[in-house]
Protein backbone atom coordinates (compact mmCIF):
# COMPACT_ATOMS: atom_id res chain seq x y z
CA MET A 1 117.88 134.25 114.22
CA PRO A 2 119.95 132.08 111.86
CA GLU A 3 120.03 133.03 108.19
CA VAL A 4 118.16 130.74 105.79
CA ILE A 5 119.10 130.10 102.15
CA VAL A 6 116.27 128.92 99.91
CA VAL A 7 117.34 127.39 96.59
CA GLY A 8 114.40 127.75 94.21
CA GLY A 9 111.99 130.64 93.71
CA GLY A 10 108.80 128.81 92.77
CA VAL A 11 105.65 128.66 94.88
CA ALA A 12 107.30 126.38 97.47
CA GLY A 13 110.39 128.56 97.85
CA LEU A 14 108.40 131.78 98.07
CA THR A 15 106.15 130.16 100.69
CA VAL A 16 109.15 129.23 102.85
CA ALA A 17 110.44 132.81 102.57
CA HIS A 18 107.02 134.27 103.43
CA GLU A 19 106.49 132.12 106.53
CA LEU A 20 110.01 132.58 107.90
CA ALA A 21 110.33 136.31 107.14
CA GLU A 22 107.06 136.99 108.96
CA ARG A 23 108.63 135.31 111.98
CA GLY A 24 111.84 137.33 111.91
CA HIS A 25 114.26 135.14 109.94
CA GLU A 26 116.71 136.57 107.42
CA VAL A 27 115.96 134.75 104.17
CA HIS A 28 117.84 134.69 100.85
CA VAL A 29 116.11 133.15 97.81
CA PHE A 30 118.11 132.01 94.76
CA ASP A 31 116.75 130.94 91.38
CA SER A 32 118.27 130.14 88.00
CA ARG A 33 115.55 132.14 86.25
CA THR A 34 115.32 135.91 86.22
CA THR A 35 111.61 135.84 87.02
CA TRP A 36 109.90 134.42 90.11
CA GLY A 37 107.19 131.82 90.54
CA GLY A 38 108.58 128.74 88.79
CA LYS A 39 105.94 126.87 86.79
CA ALA A 40 103.30 129.30 88.06
CA ARG A 41 104.94 132.37 86.48
CA SER A 42 103.49 134.17 83.46
CA GLN A 43 105.40 134.17 80.17
CA PRO A 44 104.79 137.44 78.29
CA VAL A 45 105.37 136.96 74.55
CA PRO A 46 108.37 139.20 73.76
CA GLY A 47 107.88 142.02 71.28
CA THR A 48 104.12 141.61 70.89
CA GLY A 49 103.04 144.77 72.75
CA THR A 50 102.86 147.98 70.74
CA GLY A 51 101.48 151.47 71.27
CA GLY A 52 102.09 151.37 75.03
CA ARG A 53 100.27 148.05 75.45
CA SER A 54 101.74 145.11 77.37
CA ASP A 55 103.08 142.02 75.63
CA LEU A 56 100.53 139.29 75.04
CA PRO A 57 100.17 137.18 78.21
CA GLY A 58 101.46 133.62 77.95
CA GLU A 59 101.41 131.06 80.77
CA HIS A 60 102.72 127.58 81.57
CA GLY A 61 99.03 126.61 81.43
CA PHE A 62 95.65 127.83 82.61
CA ARG A 63 95.30 128.68 86.28
CA PHE A 64 92.92 126.56 88.35
CA TYR A 65 92.19 127.14 92.06
CA PRO A 66 89.61 124.62 93.33
CA ARG A 67 87.98 124.71 96.76
CA PHE A 68 90.51 122.40 98.36
CA TYR A 69 93.37 124.85 97.62
CA ARG A 70 93.49 126.29 101.14
CA HIS A 71 97.24 126.83 101.62
CA VAL A 72 97.72 128.82 98.41
CA VAL A 73 94.63 130.94 98.99
CA ASP A 74 95.69 131.68 102.56
CA GLN A 75 99.08 132.83 101.22
CA MET A 76 97.26 135.11 98.79
CA GLN A 77 95.04 136.53 101.52
CA ARG A 78 98.18 137.60 103.39
CA THR A 79 99.63 139.33 100.33
CA PRO A 80 98.55 142.93 99.58
CA ALA A 81 97.30 143.52 96.05
CA ALA A 82 99.37 145.94 93.99
CA GLY A 83 98.01 149.47 93.76
CA ALA A 84 94.84 148.60 95.67
CA PRO A 85 95.02 149.65 99.34
CA GLY A 86 92.99 147.39 101.60
CA ARG A 87 92.77 144.57 99.04
CA ASN A 88 94.66 141.30 98.92
CA VAL A 89 95.71 139.06 96.07
CA ALA A 90 93.02 136.44 96.80
CA GLN A 91 90.42 139.02 95.81
CA HIS A 92 91.69 138.74 92.23
CA LEU A 93 90.36 135.18 92.05
CA GLN A 94 87.28 134.82 89.86
CA ALA A 95 84.66 132.13 90.36
CA THR A 96 83.66 129.78 87.56
CA THR A 97 80.06 128.61 87.64
CA GLU A 98 79.98 125.85 85.04
CA SER A 99 82.14 123.55 82.98
CA ALA A 100 81.74 121.66 79.74
CA VAL A 101 82.76 118.44 78.02
CA ALA A 102 83.42 118.69 74.28
CA MET A 103 83.89 115.56 72.18
CA VAL A 104 86.18 115.44 69.15
CA ASP A 105 84.29 112.50 67.62
CA GLU A 106 80.79 113.88 68.21
CA ASP A 107 78.83 116.82 66.91
CA THR A 108 77.96 118.36 70.24
CA TRP A 109 79.28 119.43 73.61
CA TYR A 110 77.77 119.38 77.07
CA ARG A 111 77.54 122.06 79.77
CA PHE A 112 77.35 121.22 83.45
CA ALA A 113 76.11 123.66 86.07
CA ARG A 114 76.78 123.13 89.76
CA ARG A 115 74.55 121.13 92.10
CA ARG A 116 74.77 120.50 95.81
CA LEU A 117 75.73 117.22 97.49
CA ASP A 118 74.58 116.86 101.08
CA ARG A 119 74.61 113.09 101.61
CA PRO A 120 77.01 110.34 100.50
CA HIS A 121 74.53 108.75 98.11
CA ASP A 122 73.93 112.12 96.39
CA ILE A 123 77.32 111.64 94.74
CA TRP A 124 75.94 108.70 92.79
CA GLU A 125 73.06 110.84 91.53
CA ALA A 126 75.52 113.52 90.38
CA LEU A 127 77.54 110.91 88.50
CA GLN A 128 74.36 109.50 86.98
CA LEU A 129 73.53 112.93 85.55
CA TYR A 130 77.01 113.19 84.05
CA PHE A 131 76.79 109.76 82.42
CA GLN A 132 73.28 110.43 81.10
CA LYS A 133 74.29 113.75 79.54
CA LEU A 134 77.18 112.08 77.72
CA ASN A 135 74.99 109.13 76.66
CA LEU A 136 77.30 106.68 78.38
CA SER A 137 76.33 103.14 79.33
CA ALA A 138 74.17 103.03 82.46
CA VAL A 139 75.69 99.65 83.35
CA ASP A 140 79.23 101.00 83.06
CA GLY A 141 78.23 104.13 84.93
CA GLY A 142 76.70 102.09 87.71
CA PHE A 143 79.85 100.06 88.23
CA PHE A 144 82.12 103.11 88.13
CA GLY A 145 79.83 104.89 90.59
CA LEU A 146 80.15 101.89 92.89
CA LYS A 147 83.94 102.20 92.85
CA VAL A 148 83.72 105.92 93.62
CA LEU A 149 81.42 105.25 96.59
CA GLN A 150 83.73 102.46 97.71
CA PHE A 151 86.70 104.79 97.72
CA LEU A 152 84.72 107.48 99.54
CA SER A 153 83.82 105.05 102.32
CA SER A 154 87.28 103.47 102.56
CA SER A 155 89.42 104.16 105.61
CA ASP A 156 92.71 106.03 105.58
CA GLU A 157 94.35 102.77 106.62
CA ARG A 158 93.08 100.95 103.52
CA ARG A 159 93.95 103.87 101.25
CA GLN A 160 97.53 104.02 102.53
CA GLY A 161 98.12 100.29 102.93
CA ALA A 162 96.37 98.94 99.84
CA TYR A 163 95.30 101.69 97.46
CA GLU A 164 98.69 103.47 97.45
CA ASN A 165 100.12 100.39 95.73
CA LEU A 166 97.26 99.87 93.27
CA ALA A 167 96.80 101.65 89.94
CA TRP A 168 93.50 103.55 89.59
CA TRP A 169 92.71 101.64 86.40
CA ASP A 170 92.96 98.35 88.25
CA PHE A 171 90.86 99.64 91.16
CA ILE A 172 88.02 100.71 88.86
CA ASP A 173 88.49 97.52 86.77
CA GLY A 174 88.95 99.71 83.72
CA ASP A 175 89.17 96.95 81.11
CA ARG A 176 85.59 95.83 81.84
CA TYR A 177 83.98 99.00 80.42
CA ALA A 178 82.83 99.64 76.87
CA PRO A 179 85.44 101.42 74.69
CA ARG A 180 83.55 104.73 74.74
CA PHE A 181 83.33 104.69 78.52
CA GLN A 182 86.99 103.72 78.78
CA ARG A 183 87.93 106.83 76.81
CA GLN A 184 86.18 108.99 79.38
CA MET A 185 87.81 107.21 82.28
CA ARG A 186 91.27 107.54 80.73
CA ALA A 187 90.81 111.16 79.75
CA LEU A 188 89.42 112.71 82.92
CA PRO A 189 92.50 112.14 85.12
CA ARG A 190 94.69 113.23 82.21
CA THR A 191 92.90 116.51 81.67
CA MET A 192 92.59 117.32 85.39
CA VAL A 193 95.99 116.32 86.77
CA ALA A 194 98.03 115.00 83.79
CA MET A 195 97.83 111.51 85.26
CA ASP A 196 97.47 108.33 83.27
CA PRO A 197 94.94 106.20 85.22
CA ARG A 198 96.96 103.12 84.30
CA ARG A 199 99.98 104.66 86.06
CA GLY A 200 98.56 106.83 88.86
CA SER A 201 97.95 105.30 92.27
CA THR A 202 94.40 104.74 93.48
CA ARG A 203 95.13 106.61 96.70
CA THR A 204 96.17 109.80 94.88
CA LEU A 205 93.77 109.70 91.94
CA GLY A 206 90.80 108.66 94.05
CA THR A 207 91.42 111.38 96.62
CA ILE A 208 91.76 114.16 94.05
CA PHE A 209 88.85 112.88 91.95
CA ILE A 210 86.66 113.08 95.05
CA GLN A 211 87.89 116.59 95.86
CA LEU A 212 87.15 117.83 92.35
CA LEU A 213 83.78 116.08 92.29
CA LEU A 214 82.81 117.69 95.59
CA ASP A 215 84.07 121.06 94.35
CA PHE A 216 82.00 120.90 91.21
CA ALA A 217 78.91 119.64 93.00
CA THR A 218 78.84 122.38 95.64
CA THR A 219 76.95 125.57 94.93
CA GLU A 220 79.21 128.02 96.75
CA VAL A 221 80.90 130.53 94.47
CA ASN A 222 84.46 129.95 95.69
CA ASN A 223 84.76 126.32 94.60
CA ASP A 224 86.47 126.44 91.22
CA ARG A 225 88.30 129.69 90.57
CA THR A 226 90.65 131.15 88.02
CA MET A 227 92.92 134.17 88.27
CA GLY A 228 91.50 137.51 87.18
CA GLY A 229 94.54 138.33 85.04
CA PRO A 230 98.05 137.08 84.22
CA THR A 231 99.41 135.15 87.19
CA SER A 232 102.62 137.13 87.63
CA GLN A 233 100.87 140.47 87.44
CA MET A 234 97.99 139.57 89.74
CA TRP A 235 99.79 137.37 92.28
CA LEU A 236 103.51 136.67 91.96
CA GLU A 237 104.84 140.20 91.48
CA PRO A 238 102.82 141.57 94.44
CA TRP A 239 103.97 138.56 96.46
CA VAL A 240 107.66 139.19 95.73
CA ALA A 241 107.20 142.91 96.47
CA HIS A 242 105.59 142.03 99.80
CA LEU A 243 108.43 139.65 100.66
CA ARG A 244 111.01 142.31 99.82
CA GLY A 245 109.17 144.56 102.25
CA LEU A 246 109.57 141.85 104.90
CA GLY A 247 113.32 141.83 104.29
CA VAL A 248 113.68 138.83 101.96
CA ARG A 249 116.70 139.12 99.64
CA PHE A 250 116.26 137.82 96.08
CA HIS A 251 119.12 136.58 93.86
CA GLU A 252 117.98 135.84 90.31
CA GLY A 253 119.79 134.19 87.42
CA VAL A 254 122.09 132.00 89.53
CA ARG A 255 121.95 128.21 89.49
CA CYS A 256 122.84 126.02 92.46
CA THR A 257 125.65 123.62 91.54
CA GLY A 258 126.17 121.74 94.79
CA LEU A 259 125.91 121.44 98.56
CA ASP A 260 128.89 120.65 100.74
CA VAL A 261 128.69 118.41 103.81
CA ALA A 262 130.77 118.63 106.98
CA ASP A 263 130.16 117.02 110.37
CA GLY A 264 126.78 115.65 109.29
CA ARG A 265 125.44 119.06 108.22
CA ILE A 266 125.31 121.28 105.14
CA SER A 267 128.36 123.56 105.40
CA GLN A 268 127.84 125.71 102.29
CA VAL A 269 126.08 125.89 98.96
CA HIS A 270 127.71 126.66 95.58
CA PHE A 271 126.30 128.63 92.64
CA ASP A 272 127.34 128.90 89.01
CA ASP A 273 128.48 132.50 89.44
CA GLY A 274 131.33 131.26 91.61
CA GLN A 275 129.72 132.13 94.94
CA ALA A 276 129.85 129.80 97.92
CA ARG A 277 127.28 130.90 100.50
CA THR A 278 126.82 129.79 104.09
CA ALA A 279 123.75 129.95 106.33
CA GLY A 280 122.29 128.37 109.42
CA HIS A 281 119.65 126.48 107.45
CA TYR A 282 119.11 125.51 103.82
CA VAL A 283 115.95 124.69 101.87
CA LEU A 284 116.07 122.82 98.58
CA ALA A 285 112.97 124.05 96.75
CA VAL A 286 113.70 122.88 93.20
CA PRO A 287 111.88 120.40 90.90
CA ILE A 288 112.44 116.69 91.40
CA ASP A 289 114.84 116.41 88.43
CA ALA A 290 117.06 119.19 89.79
CA ALA A 291 116.88 117.89 93.35
CA GLN A 292 118.01 114.44 92.31
CA GLY A 293 121.01 115.95 90.54
CA LEU A 294 122.05 117.80 93.71
CA ILE A 295 121.85 114.76 96.02
CA THR A 296 125.44 113.57 96.23
CA PRO A 297 126.53 110.26 97.78
CA GLU A 298 127.62 112.27 100.83
CA LEU A 299 124.12 113.71 101.25
CA ALA A 300 122.45 110.36 100.58
CA ALA A 301 124.60 108.71 103.26
CA LEU A 302 123.07 111.03 105.87
CA ASP A 303 119.40 110.33 105.08
CA PRO A 304 117.83 107.12 103.71
CA ALA A 305 115.00 109.16 102.18
CA LEU A 306 117.49 111.18 100.14
CA ALA A 307 119.23 107.94 99.17
CA ARG A 308 115.92 106.54 97.86
CA LEU A 309 115.20 109.74 95.93
CA ARG A 310 118.70 109.79 94.44
CA LEU A 311 118.28 106.27 93.05
CA ALA A 312 114.65 106.65 91.94
CA ASP A 313 113.75 106.35 88.26
CA VAL A 314 112.48 109.90 87.82
CA ASN A 315 111.21 109.19 84.30
CA ARG A 316 108.78 106.69 85.85
CA LEU A 317 107.54 109.31 88.32
CA VAL A 318 106.87 112.28 86.03
CA GLU A 319 104.75 113.28 83.04
CA TRP A 320 104.21 116.36 80.87
CA MET A 321 101.40 118.91 81.19
CA VAL A 322 102.24 121.91 79.05
CA GLY A 323 100.24 124.96 78.02
CA ILE A 324 99.61 126.70 74.72
CA GLN A 325 97.68 129.96 74.28
CA PHE A 326 95.70 130.98 71.19
CA PHE A 327 95.23 134.73 70.82
CA LEU A 328 92.06 135.54 68.86
CA TYR A 329 90.82 138.61 67.04
CA GLU A 330 87.46 138.26 68.81
CA ASP A 331 86.52 136.83 72.20
CA VAL A 332 85.09 133.29 72.23
CA PRO A 333 83.85 132.81 75.83
CA LEU A 334 82.68 129.17 75.38
CA VAL A 335 81.52 128.53 78.99
CA ARG A 336 81.95 130.28 82.32
CA GLY A 337 84.65 127.82 83.32
CA HIS A 338 86.80 125.01 81.95
CA THR A 339 86.12 122.80 78.95
CA PHE A 340 87.37 119.21 78.97
CA TYR A 341 88.00 117.55 75.59
CA ALA A 342 87.52 114.06 76.94
CA ASP A 343 88.30 112.09 73.77
CA SER A 344 90.96 114.39 72.32
CA PRO A 345 94.15 112.44 71.54
CA TRP A 346 96.28 114.93 73.45
CA ALA A 347 93.91 115.21 76.46
CA LEU A 348 93.18 118.92 76.05
CA THR A 349 91.56 121.27 78.54
CA SER A 350 90.78 124.91 77.81
CA ILE A 351 89.46 128.09 79.35
CA SER A 352 88.58 131.39 77.71
CA GLN A 353 90.40 133.96 79.85
CA PRO A 354 89.16 137.50 79.00
CA GLN A 355 85.70 136.94 80.54
CA PHE A 356 87.47 136.61 83.92
CA TRP A 357 89.84 139.57 83.42
CA ARG A 358 87.24 142.35 83.38
CA GLU A 359 88.86 144.33 86.20
CA LEU A 360 91.85 144.91 83.90
CA GLY A 361 89.68 146.62 81.28
CA LEU A 362 89.20 145.66 77.64
CA PHE A 363 91.64 142.99 76.56
CA ARG A 364 92.50 144.49 73.16
CA GLN A 365 93.24 147.88 74.69
CA ARG A 366 95.68 146.42 77.22
CA TYR A 367 97.64 143.74 75.34
CA GLY A 368 99.40 143.16 72.06
CA ASP A 369 98.94 145.26 68.96
CA GLY A 370 95.36 146.30 69.73
CA GLN A 371 93.80 143.64 67.51
CA VAL A 372 93.58 140.76 70.01
CA GLY A 373 90.18 140.45 71.69
CA GLY A 374 90.20 136.83 72.86
CA LEU A 375 92.46 134.27 74.51
CA LEU A 376 92.02 130.52 74.78
CA SER A 377 94.47 128.94 77.24
CA ILE A 378 94.92 125.20 76.72
CA ASP A 379 96.72 122.47 78.63
CA ILE A 380 98.14 119.55 76.66
CA SER A 381 98.27 116.58 79.02
CA ASP A 382 99.06 113.62 76.75
CA TRP A 383 102.35 113.96 74.89
CA ASP A 384 102.72 110.28 73.94
CA THR A 385 99.64 109.61 71.78
CA PRO A 386 99.66 110.37 68.03
CA GLY A 387 97.50 113.29 66.93
CA THR A 388 94.71 113.15 64.37
CA LEU A 389 96.15 115.58 61.81
CA VAL A 390 99.94 115.42 62.10
CA ARG A 391 99.72 111.79 63.30
CA LYS A 392 102.70 112.11 65.61
CA ARG A 393 103.22 112.30 69.35
CA ALA A 394 103.35 115.84 70.65
CA LYS A 395 106.91 115.13 71.83
CA ASP A 396 107.89 114.43 68.22
CA CYS A 397 106.31 117.61 66.83
CA THR A 398 107.78 121.02 66.16
CA PRO A 399 106.07 123.97 67.89
CA GLU A 400 104.30 124.81 64.63
CA GLU A 401 103.03 121.23 64.32
CA ILE A 402 101.81 121.31 67.94
CA LYS A 403 99.89 124.52 67.22
CA THR A 404 98.36 123.00 64.08
CA GLU A 405 97.30 119.77 65.81
CA VAL A 406 95.86 121.42 68.94
CA TRP A 407 93.91 123.93 66.84
CA ALA A 408 92.53 121.06 64.74
CA GLN A 409 91.46 119.08 67.83
CA LEU A 410 89.70 122.14 69.28
CA LYS A 411 87.82 122.78 66.03
CA ALA A 412 86.82 119.12 65.76
CA ALA A 413 85.30 119.26 69.24
CA LEU A 414 83.67 122.72 69.16
CA ASN A 415 82.48 123.17 65.59
CA GLY A 416 79.26 121.74 64.23
CA ARG A 417 78.69 120.43 60.73
CA ASP A 418 76.87 123.53 59.48
CA ALA A 419 78.54 126.81 58.54
CA ASP A 420 76.55 128.71 61.19
CA GLU A 421 77.85 126.35 63.92
CA GLN A 422 81.53 127.22 63.53
CA VAL A 423 82.77 128.31 66.95
CA LEU A 424 86.42 128.47 65.87
CA THR A 425 87.57 129.49 62.39
CA ASP A 426 91.07 130.00 61.05
CA SER A 427 90.29 133.66 60.45
CA LEU A 428 89.87 134.12 64.23
CA LEU A 429 93.45 133.12 65.00
CA HIS A 430 95.79 136.07 65.52
CA SER A 431 98.84 134.27 67.04
CA TRP A 432 99.84 131.66 69.60
CA HIS A 433 102.35 130.94 72.38
CA LEU A 434 103.79 127.60 73.51
CA ASP A 435 105.19 127.18 77.02
CA SER A 436 108.76 128.50 77.05
CA ASP A 437 109.83 125.73 79.44
CA LEU A 438 110.10 123.52 76.35
CA ASP A 439 113.65 123.78 74.98
CA TYR A 440 113.98 122.83 71.31
CA GLY A 441 117.64 123.84 71.14
CA ALA A 442 118.85 120.25 70.82
CA GLY A 443 116.08 119.17 68.42
CA LEU A 444 113.25 116.71 69.03
CA PRO A 445 111.99 115.72 71.48
CA PRO A 446 112.41 118.98 73.37
CA ILE A 447 113.76 119.20 76.90
CA ASN A 448 110.94 119.90 79.35
CA SER A 449 112.16 121.62 82.51
CA SER A 450 108.70 121.57 84.12
CA ARG A 451 107.70 117.93 84.31
CA LEU A 452 105.07 116.89 86.87
CA LEU A 453 105.08 114.07 89.41
CA VAL A 454 102.22 111.69 88.53
CA HIS A 455 102.24 109.42 91.62
CA PRO A 456 102.58 105.88 90.26
CA PRO A 457 101.80 103.07 92.71
CA GLY A 458 104.34 102.94 95.51
CA SER A 459 105.77 106.40 94.79
CA TRP A 460 104.99 107.60 98.32
CA GLU A 461 107.81 105.35 99.51
CA VAL A 462 110.45 107.22 97.47
CA ARG A 463 109.21 110.70 98.34
CA PRO A 464 110.86 112.51 101.27
CA GLU A 465 109.39 114.47 104.14
CA ALA A 466 110.01 118.22 104.20
CA ALA A 467 112.37 117.85 107.16
CA SER A 468 115.36 115.74 106.16
CA ARG A 469 117.48 113.90 108.71
CA ILE A 470 120.24 116.41 108.02
CA PRO A 471 119.64 118.88 110.85
CA ASN A 472 119.96 122.04 108.73
CA LEU A 473 118.46 120.87 105.41
CA CYS A 474 114.77 120.87 104.44
CA LEU A 475 113.02 120.11 101.16
CA ALA A 476 110.14 122.10 99.68
CA SER A 477 108.61 121.11 96.37
CA ASP A 478 105.52 119.43 94.98
CA TYR A 479 107.10 115.96 95.28
CA VAL A 480 107.51 116.27 99.08
CA ARG A 481 105.03 114.26 101.18
CA THR A 482 101.98 116.39 101.94
CA ASN A 483 98.28 116.05 102.70
CA THR A 484 97.59 117.51 99.25
CA ASN A 485 99.59 114.63 97.72
CA LEU A 486 99.45 116.10 94.23
CA ALA A 487 101.99 117.94 92.07
CA THR A 488 100.24 121.30 92.14
CA MET A 489 100.91 124.80 93.43
CA GLU A 490 98.80 123.79 96.45
CA GLY A 491 101.07 120.83 97.13
CA ALA A 492 104.14 123.04 96.70
CA CYS A 493 102.72 125.65 99.08
CA GLU A 494 101.96 123.04 101.73
CA ALA A 495 105.48 121.62 101.35
CA GLY A 496 106.90 125.11 101.83
CA ARG A 497 104.94 125.53 105.05
CA ARG A 498 106.15 122.17 106.32
CA ALA A 499 109.76 123.15 105.62
CA ALA A 500 109.28 126.48 107.39
CA ASN A 501 107.75 124.73 110.41
CA ALA A 502 110.68 122.31 110.57
CA ILE A 503 113.13 125.24 110.69
CA LEU A 504 111.06 126.95 113.37
CA GLU A 505 111.14 123.73 115.38
CA ARG A 506 114.87 123.25 114.92
CA THR A 507 115.69 126.82 115.93
CA GLY A 508 113.51 126.64 119.03
CA SER A 509 111.31 129.45 117.81
CA ARG A 510 108.31 130.39 119.92
CA ALA A 511 106.54 131.87 116.90
CA PRO A 512 103.26 130.20 115.85
CA ARG A 513 103.67 127.53 113.23
CA ALA A 514 102.37 127.88 109.68
CA GLU A 515 98.96 126.27 109.48
CA ILE A 516 98.60 122.93 107.67
CA TRP A 517 95.18 121.74 106.56
CA ALA A 518 93.99 118.23 105.79
CA LEU A 519 91.76 117.53 102.80
CA GLU A 520 88.11 117.47 103.81
CA GLU A 521 85.54 114.86 102.85
CA PRO A 522 81.89 114.71 103.94
CA ALA A 523 81.55 114.16 107.69
CA SER A 524 78.67 111.76 107.02
CA LEU A 525 81.23 109.27 105.68
CA GLU A 526 83.17 109.02 108.92
CA PRO A 527 81.12 106.13 110.38
CA TRP A 528 81.66 104.17 107.17
CA LYS A 529 85.40 104.85 107.32
CA ARG A 530 85.53 103.70 110.93
CA LEU A 531 83.75 100.52 109.96
CA ASP A 532 86.14 99.98 107.05
CA ALA A 533 89.16 100.57 109.31
CA GLU A 534 87.93 97.69 111.48
CA LEU A 535 87.40 95.50 108.43
CA TYR A 536 90.86 96.33 107.11
CA ARG A 537 92.44 95.61 110.51
CA ARG A 538 90.81 92.16 110.41
CA GLY A 539 92.08 91.53 106.88
CA ARG A 540 88.58 91.74 105.38
CA PRO A 541 87.69 93.47 102.08
CA HIS A 542 85.55 96.56 101.84
CA LEU A 543 81.91 96.24 102.88
CA PHE A 544 80.64 96.59 99.29
CA GLU A 545 82.92 93.75 98.19
CA LEU A 546 81.73 91.59 101.09
CA LEU A 547 78.17 92.17 99.92
CA GLY A 548 79.07 91.40 96.31
CA PHE A 549 77.69 94.71 95.01
CA ARG A 550 78.05 95.19 91.26
CA SER A 551 76.48 98.63 90.86
CA ALA A 552 76.33 101.97 92.61
CA GLN A 553 72.56 101.67 92.96
CA ALA A 554 72.89 98.87 95.51
CA ALA A 555 75.57 100.80 97.43
CA ALA A 556 73.49 104.00 97.36
CA ASP A 557 70.46 102.09 98.65
CA LEU A 558 72.55 100.74 101.54
CA LEU A 559 73.74 104.27 102.35
CA ARG A 560 70.16 105.53 102.34
CA ARG A 561 68.98 102.62 104.50
CA ALA A 562 71.74 103.23 107.04
CA THR A 563 70.83 106.92 107.17
CA ASN A 564 67.15 106.09 107.66
CA LEU A 565 68.02 103.70 110.47
CA GLY A 566 69.62 106.60 112.25
CA PHE A 567 73.11 105.19 112.72
CA SER A 568 75.11 108.38 112.43
CA GLY A 569 77.35 108.43 115.50
CA VAL A 570 80.67 106.62 115.30
CA ASP A 571 80.32 105.07 118.77
CA GLU A 572 76.84 103.80 117.95
CA TRP A 573 78.11 102.20 114.77
CA MET A 574 80.93 100.44 116.54
CA ASP A 575 78.60 99.25 119.32
CA VAL A 576 76.32 97.74 116.69
CA PHE A 577 79.35 96.14 115.05
CA ARG A 578 80.43 94.51 118.31
CA LEU A 579 76.95 93.50 119.51
CA ALA A 580 76.06 92.07 116.13
CA GLY A 581 78.99 89.70 116.33
CA GLY A 582 81.03 91.32 113.59
CA VAL A 583 80.37 92.24 110.01
CA ASP A 584 77.82 89.49 109.31
CA GLY A 585 75.51 90.70 112.05
CA LEU A 586 75.98 94.28 110.99
CA LEU A 587 75.05 93.44 107.42
CA GLU A 588 71.96 91.62 108.63
CA ARG A 589 70.97 94.76 110.53
CA PHE A 590 71.41 96.91 107.44
CA THR A 591 69.61 94.60 105.06
CA SER A 592 66.52 94.25 107.23
CA PRO A 593 63.49 96.33 106.14
CA SER A 594 63.86 99.96 107.17
CA PRO A 595 61.21 101.34 109.53
CA ARG A 596 58.53 103.58 108.11
């Protein structure tokens, strides 16, 4: 089988290597770093381990594996765990059972346990509980709930044709809410996926919001998971070892400097060590910034999608989501899951890690100098808003100033007014680690080599498919078009599978293709989506807009009434639509008194 060169050793590149090596291909993976896993890799803090203990474990950010991460978890299930015969890496995942919202400007924080959603209108009840716990306006909550239900019952055709080109803030009519409610609506997408709701598309943000809502509201234990130890130790190192066993060749510390074109194909690839390598097929599995720099006019001339990507304003497409870890003398578990600091200026999210790392033994005995008993891992998702203490954007702060500001925001959210309500104190802080992908060598602002795609309206148009029109070049990264449609390790893994499948197709392989999953939404919504597809085809607005609904309560009542009337089959719905003479007759049917 033809040799394959993969440029980039992150999750996408490793996925390509895994899928192709299992099917007999010779694969070479190159990366500019000397460690594997890209943004997902761990970042041990050099020189912090003493007395035979490991260095303190740093990360790009906390690790979050929700229910809809099927591609990544499948990859883990096919990777043997290190030193544990019969176990696989996925068994290192640890379930979280609750989450919390902590408010910087209030003297309390709120825990949320899981609850089950079986019917479409149950989602409104779950949102109601959230709004009530946070003492948010019932009127604002009702209108936002309506927009969530509207998105849930919208067809794929409307989502792609209309919502892809509409900002989430405009879809939810964000300016109509009270200031306190607006803060929540701005913060939640930031803390979950680093996405400004004024910039992120409705199609992407709505889809992922629904997935996360369904994850949280389902009682199964595998919904929201975190890794049971440092990511490299528990997943990436066993993965690379497994791939080496399959014959994959790894080349670390070499940067790709260019791809040559001849006769409409890639003829060779160049690296900064002076090598020029040739192969039958090539996969570009690097971040969007690096990919754009490697797309020459010659490459762009062979594929309009590459031409669009080459000319795209990458700064408009990406944002920062960077991690910082606080190592504590004592463990501070907080909650059995993630805490969202919804009104924090820098859109913080945290998780206390040691409670999920029990299989590794006592934290202080394994890491650092023996004094560290706790670890808070925080993501900073807003780098453009001034802080409360240093009063500067995070981008304009030194690492020490970032540490000071983040610590102050955490204390403001978690600590009460009384001395006996101090969750975090300065005496708890042993040390800290800021993501090493930030390069301060040239001063401020730092260079961030791990920016994230944030899916502004219309960005789908400038994103390429995994299989380029160049017959021996594929792309694999989190900006490639996928069902996941989000810059995450799940999106990168799916992109890697799509690239591997394209190579299998192009080489005429008879091997089974890597499985690709679609995101799942409640089956009970399918009739509503079919109805909306018909409305969209006829140029009509969504059903709720036709009815003039202004709150989720009215929409939820309609959903209940439809369920009680027994219209559950798609064919039956469409028959009613046709026999009723279109949407007006259908609405009349729904708004008539329901039978007892």
